[in-house]
PDB file of N, CA and C in Angstrom:
ATOM      1  N   MET A   1      15.233   6.468  -0.776  1.00  0.00           N
ATOM      2  CA  MET A   1      14.326   5.890  -1.752  1.00  0.00           C
ATOM      3  C   MET A   1      13.721   4.628  -1.155  1.00  0.00           C
ATOM      4  N   GLY A   2      12.380   4.530  -1.177  1.00  0.00           N
ATOM      5  CA  GLY A   2      11.698   3.405  -0.569  1.00  0.00           C
ATOM      6  C   GLY A   2      11.366   2.312  -1.564  1.00  0.00           C
ATOM      7  N   VAL A   3      10.894   1.246  -1.014  1.00  0.00           N
ATOM      8  CA  VAL A   3      10.497   0.089  -1.805  1.00  0.00           C
ATOM      9  C   VAL A   3       8.981   0.100  -1.938  1.00  0.00           C
ATOM     10  N   ASP A   4       8.472  -0.332  -3.097  1.00  0.00           N
ATOM     11  CA  ASP A   4       7.028  -0.399  -3.302  1.00  0.00           C
ATOM     12  C   ASP A   4       6.398  -1.427  -2.366  1.00  0.00           C
ATOM     13  N   PHE A   5       5.083  -1.315  -2.189  1.00  0.00           N
ATOM     14  CA  PHE A   5       4.332  -2.256  -1.367  1.00  0.00           C
ATOM     15  C   PHE A   5       3.768  -3.363  -2.246  1.00  0.00           C
ATOM     16  N   VAL A   6       3.473  -4.501  -1.636  1.00  0.00           N
ATOM     17  CA  VAL A   6       2.840  -5.629  -2.332  1.00  0.00           C
ATOM     18  C   VAL A   6       1.579  -5.987  -1.568  1.00  0.00           C
ATOM     19  N   THR A   7       0.498  -6.279  -2.319  1.00  0.00           N
ATOM     20  CA  THR A   7      -0.762  -6.688  -1.712  1.00  0.00           C
ATOM     21  C   THR A   7      -0.796  -8.216  -1.599  1.00  0.00           C
ATOM     22  N   PRO A   8      -1.738  -8.762  -0.835  1.00  0.00           N
ATOM     23  CA  PRO A   8      -1.827 -10.218  -0.703  1.00  0.00           C
ATOM     24  C   PRO A   8      -2.025 -10.944  -2.036  1.00  0.00           C
ATOM     25  N   ASP A   9      -2.655 -10.278  -3.010  1.00  0.00           N
ATOM     26  CA  ASP A   9      -2.864 -10.932  -4.307  1.00  0.00           C
ATOM     27  C   ASP A   9      -1.712 -10.691  -5.286  1.00  0.00           C
ATOM     28  N   GLY A  10      -0.636 -10.080  -4.812  1.00  0.00           N
ATOM     29  CA  GLY A  10       0.561  -9.908  -5.632  1.00  0.00           C
ATOM     30  C   GLY A  10       0.658  -8.603  -6.403  1.00  0.00           C
ATOM     31  N   MET A  11      -0.319  -7.725  -6.245  1.00  0.00           N
ATOM     32  CA  MET A  11      -0.291  -6.437  -6.939  1.00  0.00           C
ATOM     33  C   MET A  11       0.770  -5.539  -6.305  1.00  0.00           C
ATOM     34  N   ILE A  12       1.523  -4.846  -7.123  1.00  0.00           N
ATOM     35  CA  ILE A  12       2.529  -3.913  -6.624  1.00  0.00           C
ATOM     36  C   ILE A  12       1.929  -2.513  -6.587  1.00  0.00           C
ATOM     37  N   VAL A  13       2.004  -1.894  -5.415  1.00  0.00           N
ATOM     38  CA  VAL A  13       1.478  -0.545  -5.207  1.00  0.00           C
ATOM     39  C   VAL A  13       2.673   0.382  -5.025  1.00  0.00           C
ATOM     40  N   PRO A  14       2.769   1.438  -5.852  1.00  0.00           N
ATOM     41  CA  PRO A  14       3.885   2.371  -5.700  1.00  0.00           C
ATOM     42  C   PRO A  14       3.966   2.918  -4.271  1.00  0.00           C
ATOM     43  N   ARG A  15       5.177   3.142  -3.825  1.00  0.00           N
ATOM     44  CA  ARG A  15       5.437   3.580  -2.445  1.00  0.00           C
ATOM     45  C   ARG A  15       4.598   4.801  -2.056  1.00  0.00           C
ATOM     46  N   ALA A  16       4.542   5.810  -2.928  1.00  0.00           N
ATOM     47  CA  ALA A  16       3.810   7.044  -2.602  1.00  0.00           C
ATOM     48  C   ALA A  16       2.325   6.766  -2.385  1.00  0.00           C
ATOM     49  N   LEU A  17       1.721   5.917  -3.205  1.00  0.00           N
ATOM     50  CA  LEU A  17       0.297   5.615  -3.045  1.00  0.00           C
ATOM     51  C   LEU A  17       0.052   4.799  -1.782  1.00  0.00           C
ATOM     52  N   GLY A  18       0.929   3.866  -1.507  1.00  0.00           N
ATOM     53  CA  GLY A  18       0.800   3.061  -0.299  1.00  0.00           C
ATOM     54  C   GLY A  18       0.938   3.890   0.958  1.00  0.00           C
ATOM     55  N   GLU A  19       1.913   4.779   0.974  1.00  0.00           N
ATOM     56  CA  GLU A  19       2.105   5.642   2.141  1.00  0.00           C
ATOM     57  C   GLU A  19       0.916   6.579   2.334  1.00  0.00           C
ATOM     58  N   ALA A  20       0.375   7.098   1.234  1.00  0.00           N
ATOM     59  CA  ALA A  20      -0.792   7.976   1.329  1.00  0.00           C
ATOM     60  C   ALA A  20      -1.984   7.216   1.905  1.00  0.00           C
ATOM     61  N   ALA A  21      -2.163   5.962   1.489  1.00  0.00           N
ATOM     62  CA  ALA A  21      -3.259   5.150   2.021  1.00  0.00           C
ATOM     63  C   ALA A  21      -3.056   4.857   3.500  1.00  0.00           C
ATOM     64  N   LEU A  22      -1.824   4.572   3.896  1.00  0.00           N
ATOM     65  CA  LEU A  22      -1.541   4.321   5.309  1.00  0.00           C
ATOM     66  C   LEU A  22      -1.795   5.568   6.144  1.00  0.00           C
ATOM     67  N   LEU A  23      -1.327   6.700   5.666  1.00  0.00           N
ATOM     68  CA  LEU A  23      -1.521   7.958   6.402  1.00  0.00           C
ATOM     69  C   LEU A  23      -2.988   8.385   6.433  1.00  0.00           C
ATOM     70  N   GLY A  24      -3.729   8.022   5.367  1.00  0.00           N
ATOM     71  CA  GLY A  24      -5.150   8.365   5.306  1.00  0.00           C
ATOM     72  C   GLY A  24      -6.041   7.340   5.987  1.00  0.00           C
ATOM     73  N   HIS A  25      -5.432   6.335   6.609  1.00  0.00           N
ATOM     74  CA  HIS A  25      -6.162   5.295   7.343  1.00  0.00           C
ATOM     75  C   HIS A  25      -7.105   4.495   6.458  1.00  0.00           C
ATOM     76  N   THR A  26      -6.739   4.306   5.178  1.00  0.00           N
ATOM     77  CA  THR A  26      -7.544   3.460   4.295  1.00  0.00           C
ATOM     78  C   THR A  26      -6.819   2.159   3.969  1.00  0.00           C
ATOM     79  N   ALA A  27      -5.656   1.946   4.586  1.00  0.00           N
ATOM     80  CA  ALA A  27      -4.902   0.712   4.399  1.00  0.00           C
ATOM     81  C   ALA A  27      -4.093   0.423   5.657  1.00  0.00           C
ATOM     82  N   VAL A  28      -3.731  -0.843   5.810  1.00  0.00           N
ATOM     83  CA  VAL A  28      -2.883  -1.271   6.919  1.00  0.00           C
ATOM     84  C   VAL A  28      -1.856  -2.257   6.377  1.00  0.00           C
ATOM     85  N   LEU A  29      -0.790  -2.433   7.132  1.00  0.00           N
ATOM     86  CA  LEU A  29       0.193  -3.460   6.804  1.00  0.00           C
ATOM     87  C   LEU A  29      -0.105  -4.685   7.645  1.00  0.00           C
ATOM     88  N   VAL A  30      -0.235  -5.826   6.987  1.00  0.00           N
ATOM     89  CA  VAL A  30      -0.489  -7.093   7.668  1.00  0.00           C
ATOM     90  C   VAL A  30       0.607  -8.057   7.243  1.00  0.00           C
ATOM     91  N   GLY A  31       1.489  -8.368   8.148  1.00  0.00           N
ATOM     92  CA  GLY A  31       2.578  -9.278   7.812  1.00  0.00           C
ATOM     93  C   GLY A  31       3.443  -8.760   6.669  1.00  0.00           C
ATOM     94  N   GLY A  32       3.576  -7.439   6.570  1.00  0.00           N
ATOM     95  CA  GLY A  32       4.385  -6.851   5.512  1.00  0.00           C
ATOM     96  C   GLY A  32       3.643  -6.640   4.201  1.00  0.00           C
ATOM     97  N   LEU A  33       2.362  -7.023   4.146  1.00  0.00           N
ATOM     98  CA  LEU A  33       1.557  -6.841   2.943  1.00  0.00           C
ATOM     99  C   LEU A  33       0.589  -5.680   3.148  1.00  0.00           C
ATOM    100  N   LEU A  34       0.376  -4.903   2.092  1.00  0.00           N
ATOM    101  CA  LEU A  34      -0.533  -3.756   2.156  1.00  0.00           C
ATOM    102  C   LEU A  34      -1.954  -4.230   1.878  1.00  0.00           C
ATOM    103  N   VAL A  35      -2.868  -3.950   2.818  1.00  0.00           N
ATOM    104  CA  VAL A  35      -4.260  -4.342   2.684  1.00  0.00           C
ATOM    105  C   VAL A  35      -5.115  -3.108   2.863  1.00  0.00           C
ATOM    106  N   GLY A  36      -5.968  -2.799   1.869  1.00  0.00           N
ATOM    107  CA  GLY A  36      -6.847  -1.655   1.998  1.00  0.00           C
ATOM    108  C   GLY A  36      -7.256  -1.083   0.662  1.00  0.00           C
ATOM    109  N   VAL A  37      -7.551   0.211   0.679  1.00  0.00           N
ATOM    110  CA  VAL A  37      -8.028   0.931  -0.499  1.00  0.00           C
ATOM    111  C   VAL A  37      -7.117   2.131  -0.722  1.00  0.00           C
ATOM    112  N   TRP A  38      -6.694   2.351  -1.956  1.00  0.00           N
ATOM    113  CA  TRP A  38      -5.839   3.486  -2.287  1.00  0.00           C
ATOM    114  C   TRP A  38      -6.209   3.987  -3.660  1.00  0.00           C
ATOM    115  N   ALA A  39      -5.815   5.210  -3.965  1.00  0.00           N
ATOM    116  CA  ALA A  39      -6.081   5.827  -5.270  1.00  0.00           C
ATOM    117  C   ALA A  39      -5.367   5.028  -6.363  1.00  0.00           C
ATOM    118  N   GLN A  40      -5.981   4.957  -7.522  1.00  0.00           N
ATOM    119  CA  GLN A  40      -5.393   4.187  -8.629  1.00  0.00           C
ATOM    120  C   GLN A  40      -4.404   4.994  -9.445  1.00  0.00           C
ATOM    121  N   SER A  41      -4.337   6.305  -9.232  1.00  0.00           N
ATOM    122  CA  SER A  41      -3.370   7.106 -10.013  1.00  0.00           C
ATOM    123  C   SER A  41      -2.659   8.097  -9.137  1.00  0.00           C
TER     124      SER A  41
END
């Protein structure tokens, strides 16, 4: 079981959405923070 991601502005992104964004190359991890674009649902 993984931990959710956090964005620079403090928003919590569920692990599945964050991983999908990383795999789809629409987000990156910067200093442990998720930066990018991901689906809202």
